[in-house]
């Protein structure tokens, strides 16, 4: 299911940016749901009250989102360095990945939050990280985070079964 919401508040100049939207628990909105714009990802529901919800923006230095190079399928971690509100960083991609400037980056689908293939942005540059033999790329977001008025919240119907399985695996690992 997908729910449409209006953006009530949106910060993009802080290190830990967030949005407030006009949908909440009474609208079936809850923590850990993905939030997108018509152009791409926006963030993840952090908290919800009966009528409103806060969204941890992709422009939050605490955000970590699994992302994939669309052409090759190599994946890494998307994060934000707190500087430019139009650019995020993609790290942990193997150095042999054939990434080029202009290539598309999409969600990897490795979590129960975002399905695979939601647009994120285009590669601006590619640099080698010699410490761990990986690539670091700057990615220009498709979504203009400074002009958001409406967003869509994604309800992944498989989220609860996936979380239950992950908890069982974690419990076994802790034994």
Protein backbone atom coordinates (compact mmCIF):
# COMPACT_ATOMS: atom_id res chain seq x y z
CA UNK A 1 0.00 0.00 0.00
CA UNK A 2 1.03 3.59 -0.60
CA UNK A 3 -0.24 6.59 1.37
CA UNK A 4 -0.03 10.24 0.25
CA UNK A 5 0.87 12.92 2.80
CA UNK A 6 1.48 16.63 2.94
CA UNK A 7 4.79 17.95 4.29
CA UNK A 8 4.09 20.22 7.28
CA UNK A 9 7.72 20.93 8.17
CA UNK A 10 11.00 20.15 6.43
CA UNK A 11 14.55 20.92 7.55
CA UNK A 12 17.56 20.55 5.26
CA UNK A 13 20.19 22.85 6.83
CA UNK A 14 20.84 20.89 10.05
CA UNK A 15 23.05 17.82 10.51
CA UNK A 16 20.06 15.71 11.61
CA UNK A 17 17.28 16.85 9.29
CA UNK A 18 13.69 15.66 9.52
CA UNK A 19 10.24 16.24 8.07
CA UNK A 20 6.82 16.29 9.70
CA UNK A 21 3.92 14.96 7.65
CA UNK A 22 0.15 15.13 8.17
CA UNK A 23 -0.46 11.39 8.44
CA UNK A 24 -0.09 9.26 11.54
CA UNK A 25 -1.13 6.10 13.34
CA UNK A 26 -4.83 6.58 12.53
CA UNK A 27 -3.81 6.54 8.84
CA UNK A 28 -1.85 3.26 9.29
CA UNK A 29 1.50 5.09 9.39
CA UNK A 30 4.13 3.71 11.77
CA UNK A 31 7.86 3.65 12.44
CA UNK A 32 10.22 2.21 9.79
CA UNK A 33 8.05 2.89 6.75
CA UNK A 34 9.80 4.27 3.66
CA UNK A 35 8.97 7.78 2.43
CA UNK A 36 9.42 8.83 -1.21
CA UNK A 37 8.63 11.68 -3.58
CA UNK A 38 7.52 11.20 -7.19
CA UNK A 39 11.25 11.45 -8.09
CA UNK A 40 12.88 9.25 -5.45
CA UNK A 41 13.62 8.53 -1.79
CA UNK A 42 13.03 11.06 0.99
CA UNK A 43 13.57 9.17 4.27
CA UNK A 44 12.13 6.78 6.85
CA UNK A 45 9.28 7.26 9.35
CA UNK A 46 10.91 7.77 12.75
CA UNK A 47 7.97 8.44 15.09
CA UNK A 48 4.20 8.67 14.72
CA UNK A 49 1.37 10.17 16.74
CA UNK A 50 -2.30 9.68 15.93
CA UNK A 51 -2.34 12.45 13.28
CA UNK A 52 1.31 13.21 12.39
CA UNK A 53 4.62 11.49 11.79
CA UNK A 54 8.26 12.54 11.76
CA UNK A 55 10.51 11.38 8.95
CA UNK A 56 14.27 10.94 9.34
CA UNK A 57 15.42 12.60 6.15
CA UNK A 58 17.98 11.08 3.80
CA UNK A 59 19.72 14.39 4.67
CA UNK A 60 20.39 13.21 8.21
CA UNK A 61 23.92 12.21 9.21
CA UNK A 62 22.44 9.19 11.05
CA UNK A 63 20.66 7.85 7.93
CA UNK A 64 22.08 4.71 6.33
CA UNK A 65 20.24 3.25 3.34
CA UNK A 66 21.22 0.22 1.29
CA UNK A 67 21.65 1.33 -2.33
CA UNK A 68 22.50 -0.38 -5.63
CA UNK A 69 24.26 0.63 -8.82
CA UNK A 70 21.35 0.04 -11.23
CA UNK A 71 23.40 -1.29 -14.18
CA UNK A 72 25.66 -3.76 -12.37
CA UNK A 73 23.75 -4.66 -9.20
CA UNK A 74 26.71 -3.87 -6.92
CA UNK A 75 25.48 -2.37 -3.68
CA UNK A 76 26.75 -0.19 -0.88
CA UNK A 77 25.65 2.21 1.84
CA UNK A 78 24.07 5.59 1.18
CA UNK A 79 24.69 8.31 3.77
CA UNK A 80 24.97 12.08 4.02
CA UNK A 81 28.03 14.04 5.16
CA UNK A 82 26.03 17.04 6.42
CA UNK A 83 27.21 19.44 3.72
CA UNK A 84 25.29 19.85 0.44
CA UNK A 85 21.51 19.16 0.63
CA UNK A 86 21.49 17.94 -2.99
CA UNK A 87 24.31 15.38 -2.69
CA UNK A 88 24.66 12.13 -0.71
CA UNK A 89 27.56 9.68 -0.49
CA UNK A 90 27.64 6.05 -1.59
CA UNK A 91 30.31 3.95 0.14
CA UNK A 92 31.30 0.29 0.52
CA UNK A 93 30.95 -0.54 -3.20
CA UNK A 94 33.57 -3.08 -4.34
CA UNK A 95 36.38 -1.44 -6.33
CA UNK A 96 35.76 -3.72 -9.32
CA UNK A 97 32.21 -2.36 -9.78
CA UNK A 98 31.91 -0.69 -13.22
CA UNK A 99 30.46 2.60 -11.97
CA UNK A 100 30.58 5.69 -14.20
CA UNK A 101 29.56 9.32 -13.84
CA UNK A 102 25.87 9.67 -14.76
CA UNK A 103 24.89 6.14 -13.72
CA UNK A 104 21.69 5.69 -11.70
CA UNK A 105 21.63 4.60 -8.06
CA UNK A 106 18.47 2.95 -6.68
CA UNK A 107 17.37 1.31 -3.43
CA UNK A 108 18.81 -2.18 -2.97
CA UNK A 109 15.77 -3.76 -1.34
CA UNK A 110 17.99 -5.35 1.35
CA UNK A 111 15.71 -4.19 4.16
CA UNK A 112 12.02 -4.37 4.94
CA UNK A 113 11.71 -0.57 4.53
CA UNK A 114 12.26 0.22 0.84
CA UNK A 115 11.49 -2.15 -2.01
CA UNK A 116 14.21 -2.68 -4.60
CA UNK A 117 14.60 -0.17 -7.41
CA UNK A 118 13.30 3.13 -6.01
CA UNK A 119 15.31 5.95 -7.63
CA UNK A 120 17.89 7.76 -5.50
CA UNK A 121 20.11 9.77 -7.83
CA UNK A 122 22.89 9.96 -10.42
CA UNK A 123 26.62 9.41 -9.83
CA UNK A 124 28.60 12.69 -9.89
CA UNK A 125 32.06 11.19 -9.36
CA UNK A 126 33.81 7.96 -8.42
CA UNK A 127 36.87 7.75 -6.16
CA UNK A 128 38.89 4.77 -4.92
CA UNK A 129 39.11 4.21 -1.17
CA UNK A 130 42.51 2.52 -0.86
CA UNK A 131 42.00 1.67 2.84
CA UNK A 132 39.41 -1.00 2.15
CA UNK A 133 39.60 -1.49 -1.63
CA UNK A 134 36.17 0.04 -2.23
CA UNK A 135 34.65 2.96 -4.13
CA UNK A 136 33.26 6.22 -2.81
CA UNK A 137 30.80 8.12 -5.01
CA UNK A 138 28.99 11.42 -4.70
CA UNK A 139 25.36 11.00 -5.78
CA UNK A 140 23.11 13.89 -6.87
CA UNK A 141 19.64 13.24 -5.45
CA UNK A 142 16.73 13.07 -7.89
CA UNK A 143 14.45 14.50 -5.17
CA UNK A 144 14.80 18.21 -4.47
CA UNK A 145 14.74 17.98 -0.68
CA UNK A 146 14.39 21.76 -0.37
CA UNK A 147 11.04 21.95 -2.20
CA UNK A 148 9.03 19.00 -0.89
CA UNK A 149 5.30 19.56 -0.54
CA UNK A 150 3.87 16.05 -0.86
CA UNK A 151 5.35 12.64 -0.16
CA UNK A 152 4.25 9.01 -0.35
CA UNK A 153 4.64 6.49 2.46
CA UNK A 154 5.29 2.88 1.44
CA UNK A 155 3.80 0.05 3.47
CA UNK A 156 5.77 -3.11 2.79
CA UNK A 157 3.33 -5.96 3.54
CA UNK A 158 6.31 -8.29 4.08
CA UNK A 159 7.88 -6.03 6.74
CA UNK A 160 6.50 -7.82 9.81
CA UNK A 161 7.38 -11.40 8.67
CA UNK A 162 10.88 -10.22 7.69
CA UNK A 163 11.41 -8.48 11.05
CA UNK A 164 10.18 -11.57 12.93
CA UNK A 165 12.65 -13.75 11.04
CA UNK A 166 15.50 -11.28 11.66
CA UNK A 167 14.68 -11.30 15.41
CA UNK A 168 14.75 -15.12 15.47
CA UNK A 169 18.13 -15.15 13.71
CA UNK A 170 19.48 -12.56 16.18
CA UNK A 171 18.20 -14.58 19.16
CA UNK A 172 20.02 -17.68 17.87
CA UNK A 173 23.20 -15.66 17.31
CA UNK A 174 23.02 -14.38 20.90
CA UNK A 175 22.76 -17.90 22.38
